[in-house]
Amino acid sequence: MTFALDHVVIAVDSLKAAAERYRADGYTVIPGGKHANRATANALICFADGSYLELLALTGDPPLPGKIDFSRMLAAGHGLAGFALRVNGLDAVAAALRSRDVLVGDVFAGERRRPDGVRVAWKLALIDYAFAPFLIEDVTPHQLRVPDDPAITTHANGKRGIESVIVGARNLNVTAKRYMRLLGTAPDTLMRFRLENADIALEWRKDQAEEERLLDVTFYRTLEGGE
């Protein structure tokens, strides 16, 4: 069982304003579309390894019943709101994780309609009833959901992928054990868990109210002279 970082969710108040801010910071931002339950829509900052940043905002429409509702990630206001781990064979992965006492929810269908009318679909499952992290598997081809055109995955600021997702922990041992059960591996001496394309890095935060909180991301970037 292997895991790749799929995307990191950033809750924003306005997709238009957020896209303008990120473009001003040197990112290429594309519209994503409206989710199936109609309550949320997104814009994407894509990287060549298939990972991306998702800017997520409310549409103002009430959520349709029977569809996964991503508006829960906007309840705490703007900022980092969750991240997804991509797997193959989600149903089997979920069953295997449950067998080692990971609280994995039901597998849900998700979809959105791109601005060009193309439907993209995936499956997902929550961990511990929450989105940090959650599991995802593509139903339609991955490049339909996350375009791989170099004109989209190249960014003027030189950033070329997500190196680490940084998670703050009030109790490092408790949080490390949670990720050990989930990922089936131990962290290194710097409390980093290695995924296929990125790290999950745990950092001690004595004064935070929650046991665990998503703090930040760091990026791969092209070195001087190229790589």
Protein backbone atom coordinates (compact mmCIF):
# COMPACT_ATOMS: atom_id res chain seq x y z
CA MET A 1 0.00 0.00 0.00
CA THR A 2 1.54 3.31 -1.10
CA PHE A 3 0.43 6.90 -0.68
CA ALA A 4 1.14 10.01 -2.73
CA LEU A 5 0.31 13.57 -1.79
CA ASP A 6 -2.60 14.47 -4.06
CA HIS A 7 -3.45 18.01 -3.02
CA VAL A 8 -3.63 20.53 -0.21
CA VAL A 9 -6.85 22.50 0.33
CA ILE A 10 -6.76 26.24 1.04
CA ALA A 11 -10.08 27.76 2.10
CA VAL A 12 -10.63 31.22 0.63
CA ASP A 13 -13.38 33.81 0.76
CA SER A 14 -13.42 34.54 -2.98
CA LEU A 15 -11.98 32.41 -5.77
CA LYS A 16 -11.49 35.43 -8.01
CA ALA A 17 -9.64 37.46 -5.39
CA ALA A 18 -7.57 34.47 -4.23
CA ALA A 19 -6.59 33.59 -7.80
CA GLU A 20 -5.45 37.16 -8.36
CA ARG A 21 -3.34 37.07 -5.19
CA TYR A 22 -1.66 33.79 -6.10
CA ARG A 23 -1.02 34.93 -9.68
CA ALA A 24 0.62 38.06 -8.28
CA ASP A 25 2.88 35.73 -6.26
CA GLY A 26 3.99 33.98 -9.45
CA TYR A 27 1.67 30.97 -9.56
CA THR A 28 -0.25 29.75 -12.59
CA VAL A 29 -3.88 29.41 -11.47
CA ILE A 30 -6.64 27.72 -13.47
CA PRO A 31 -10.38 27.46 -12.76
CA GLY A 32 -11.42 24.04 -11.49
CA GLY A 33 -15.20 24.12 -11.51
CA LYS A 34 -18.18 23.58 -9.24
CA HIS A 35 -18.49 20.43 -7.13
CA ALA A 36 -21.43 18.09 -7.56
CA ASN A 37 -23.24 19.25 -4.44
CA ARG A 38 -23.13 22.84 -5.81
CA ALA A 39 -22.07 24.43 -2.51
CA THR A 40 -18.35 24.80 -3.34
CA ALA A 41 -16.12 25.54 -6.30
CA ASN A 42 -12.38 25.58 -6.74
CA ALA A 43 -9.35 26.87 -8.60
CA LEU A 44 -6.13 24.89 -8.98
CA ILE A 45 -2.38 25.45 -8.82
CA CYS A 46 -1.01 22.33 -10.49
CA PHE A 47 2.45 20.75 -10.45
CA ALA A 48 4.13 18.35 -12.86
CA ASP A 49 4.06 15.41 -10.39
CA GLY A 50 0.24 15.48 -10.36
CA SER A 51 -0.12 17.25 -7.01
CA TYR A 52 -1.78 20.63 -6.62
CA LEU A 53 -3.03 23.36 -4.33
CA GLU A 54 -6.81 23.65 -4.29
CA LEU A 55 -8.33 27.06 -3.61
CA LEU A 56 -11.79 26.28 -2.25
CA ALA A 57 -14.68 28.72 -1.79
CA LEU A 58 -18.41 28.71 -1.21
CA THR A 59 -20.66 29.33 -4.20
CA GLY A 60 -23.62 30.65 -2.22
CA ASP A 61 -25.79 27.74 -3.35
CA PRO A 62 -27.26 25.34 -0.78
CA PRO A 63 -25.68 21.87 -0.84
CA LEU A 64 -27.57 19.18 -2.73
CA PRO A 65 -28.49 16.17 -0.58
CA GLY A 66 -26.69 12.89 -1.14
CA LYS A 67 -23.43 14.49 -2.35
CA ILE A 68 -20.19 14.90 -0.39
CA ASP A 69 -20.11 18.40 1.12
CA PHE A 70 -16.71 20.09 1.05
CA SER A 71 -18.07 23.26 2.66
CA ARG A 72 -17.16 21.73 6.03
CA MET A 73 -13.57 22.70 5.25
CA LEU A 74 -14.59 26.36 5.13
CA ALA A 75 -16.22 26.41 8.56
CA ALA A 76 -13.09 27.66 10.34
CA GLY A 77 -12.49 30.51 7.89
CA HIS A 78 -9.74 30.99 5.34
CA GLY A 79 -6.39 29.19 5.38
CA LEU A 80 -5.11 25.63 5.17
CA ALA A 81 -8.08 23.31 5.59
CA GLY A 82 -7.03 19.77 4.67
CA PHE A 83 -5.02 17.53 2.39
CA ALA A 84 -5.60 14.40 0.34
CA LEU A 85 -3.50 11.28 -0.07
CA ARG A 86 -3.86 9.51 -3.42
CA VAL A 87 -4.10 5.71 -3.44
CA ASN A 88 -4.83 2.92 -5.88
CA GLY A 89 -7.72 0.59 -5.05
CA LEU A 90 -9.38 2.79 -2.45
CA ASP A 91 -11.95 0.22 -1.33
CA ALA A 92 -9.24 -2.37 -0.60
CA VAL A 93 -7.00 0.24 1.04
CA ALA A 94 -9.85 1.38 3.29
CA ALA A 95 -10.55 -2.21 4.36
CA ALA A 96 -6.85 -2.83 5.09
CA LEU A 97 -6.57 0.35 7.14
CA ARG A 98 -9.66 -0.52 9.18
CA SER A 99 -8.01 -3.86 10.00
CA ARG A 100 -5.21 -1.96 11.73
CA ASP A 101 -7.59 0.26 13.69
CA VAL A 102 -7.55 3.32 11.46
CA LEU A 103 -10.96 5.02 11.52
CA VAL A 104 -11.81 5.17 7.80
CA GLY A 105 -15.25 6.31 6.77
CA ASP A 106 -17.41 5.08 3.92
CA VAL A 107 -16.12 5.47 0.38
CA PHE A 108 -18.01 8.31 -1.34
CA ALA A 109 -18.28 9.32 -4.98
CA GLY A 110 -17.12 12.85 -5.85
CA GLU A 111 -17.22 14.85 -9.04
CA ARG A 112 -17.13 18.31 -10.51
CA ARG A 113 -17.74 19.85 -13.91
CA ARG A 114 -14.83 21.79 -15.38
CA PRO A 115 -15.53 25.17 -17.02
CA ASP A 116 -15.08 23.49 -20.42
CA GLY A 117 -17.88 21.06 -19.58
CA VAL A 118 -15.69 18.02 -18.94
CA ARG A 119 -16.84 15.88 -16.00
CA VAL A 120 -14.15 14.64 -13.63
CA ALA A 121 -14.89 11.97 -11.04
CA TRP A 122 -13.14 10.38 -8.10
CA LYS A 123 -13.76 8.38 -4.93
CA LEU A 124 -12.80 9.50 -1.44
CA ALA A 125 -12.89 8.41 2.18
CA LEU A 126 -12.41 10.48 5.33
CA ILE A 127 -9.98 9.59 8.13
CA ASP A 128 -11.26 10.18 11.66
CA TYR A 129 -14.34 11.91 10.19
CA ALA A 130 -12.14 14.73 8.90
CA PHE A 131 -10.25 16.03 5.87
CA ALA A 132 -6.72 16.14 7.32
CA PRO A 133 -5.89 13.86 5.71
CA PHE A 134 -8.45 12.10 3.53
CA LEU A 135 -7.99 9.45 0.84
CA ILE A 136 -8.73 9.88 -2.85
CA GLU A 137 -8.68 7.75 -6.00
CA ASP A 138 -9.41 8.91 -9.54
CA VAL A 139 -12.29 7.38 -11.48
CA THR A 140 -11.74 9.43 -14.63
CA PRO A 141 -8.12 9.86 -15.80
CA HIS A 142 -6.01 11.87 -13.35
CA GLN A 143 -4.97 14.43 -15.97
CA LEU A 144 -8.61 15.40 -16.46
CA ARG A 145 -8.78 16.41 -12.80
CA VAL A 146 -5.22 17.76 -12.61
CA PRO A 147 -4.00 18.97 -16.02
CA ASP A 148 -0.39 18.09 -16.88
CA ASP A 149 0.17 20.70 -19.62
CA PRO A 150 3.57 22.37 -18.93
CA ALA A 151 1.95 25.75 -19.54
CA ILE A 152 -0.22 25.03 -16.48
CA THR A 153 2.33 23.25 -14.25
CA THR A 154 5.10 25.84 -14.77
CA HIS A 155 5.11 28.78 -12.34
CA ALA A 156 6.90 32.10 -12.71
CA ASN A 157 8.15 31.92 -9.12
CA GLY A 158 10.04 28.68 -9.88
CA LYS A 159 8.08 26.51 -7.47
CA ARG A 160 7.63 23.07 -8.96
CA GLY A 161 5.89 20.95 -6.36
CA ILE A 162 4.97 20.45 -2.73
CA GLU A 163 7.93 19.23 -0.69
CA SER A 164 6.26 18.92 2.72
CA VAL A 165 2.94 19.22 4.47
CA ILE A 166 3.68 20.51 7.96
CA VAL A 167 1.42 19.31 10.76
CA GLY A 168 1.54 20.88 14.22
CA ALA A 169 1.17 18.45 17.11
CA ARG A 170 0.58 19.19 20.77
CA ASN A 171 1.81 15.67 21.58
CA LEU A 172 4.29 14.39 19.01
CA ASN A 173 4.07 10.78 20.19
CA VAL A 174 0.28 10.65 19.87
CA THR A 175 0.28 12.24 16.43
CA ALA A 176 3.22 10.15 15.21
CA LYS A 177 1.41 6.95 16.23
CA ARG A 178 -1.67 8.07 14.30
CA TYR A 179 0.35 8.53 11.12
CA MET A 180 2.25 5.29 11.70
CA ARG A 181 -1.04 3.38 11.76
CA LEU A 182 -2.23 5.18 8.66
CA LEU A 183 0.93 5.02 6.55
CA GLY A 184 2.36 1.76 7.88
CA THR A 185 5.82 3.26 8.37
CA ALA A 186 7.80 5.08 11.04
CA PRO A 187 9.02 8.68 10.77
CA ASP A 188 12.69 9.58 10.43
CA THR A 189 14.63 11.29 13.21
CA LEU A 190 13.22 14.67 12.14
CA MET A 191 9.63 13.36 12.50
CA ARG A 192 9.01 13.22 8.75
CA PHE A 193 6.93 10.57 7.02
CA ARG A 194 7.91 9.97 3.40
CA LEU A 195 5.20 9.69 0.74
CA GLU A 196 5.83 8.88 -2.93
CA ASN A 197 6.28 12.54 -3.84
CA ALA A 198 6.41 14.56 -0.60
CA ASP A 199 6.82 14.45 3.18
CA ILE A 200 4.43 14.85 6.07
CA ALA A 201 6.47 16.70 8.69
CA LEU A 202 5.35 16.82 12.33
CA GLU A 203 6.29 19.82 14.47
CA TRP A 204 5.67 20.23 18.19
CA ARG A 205 3.34 23.11 19.08
CA LYS A 206 3.00 23.42 22.84
CA ASP A 207 0.35 26.13 22.95
CA GLN A 208 -2.12 25.11 20.23
CA ALA A 209 -5.60 24.17 21.34
CA GLU A 210 -6.02 21.13 19.08
CA GLU A 211 -3.99 17.95 19.33
CA GLU A 212 -3.18 18.24 15.63
CA ARG A 213 -3.41 21.10 13.14
CA LEU A 214 -2.27 21.67 9.56
CA LEU A 215 0.27 24.49 9.71
CA ASP A 216 1.97 25.08 6.38
CA VAL A 217 3.42 23.65 3.20
CA THR A 218 6.92 23.96 1.75
CA PHE A 219 7.74 23.74 -1.94
CA TYR A 220 10.28 22.24 -4.27
CA ARG A 221 11.71 24.93 -6.47
CA THR A 222 14.15 25.07 -9.35
CA LEU A 223 17.68 25.74 -8.12
CA GLU A 224 19.85 28.49 -9.56
CA GLY A 225 21.05 27.21 -12.95
CA GLY A 226 18.29 24.58 -13.14
CA GLU A 227 18.17 20.92 -12.26
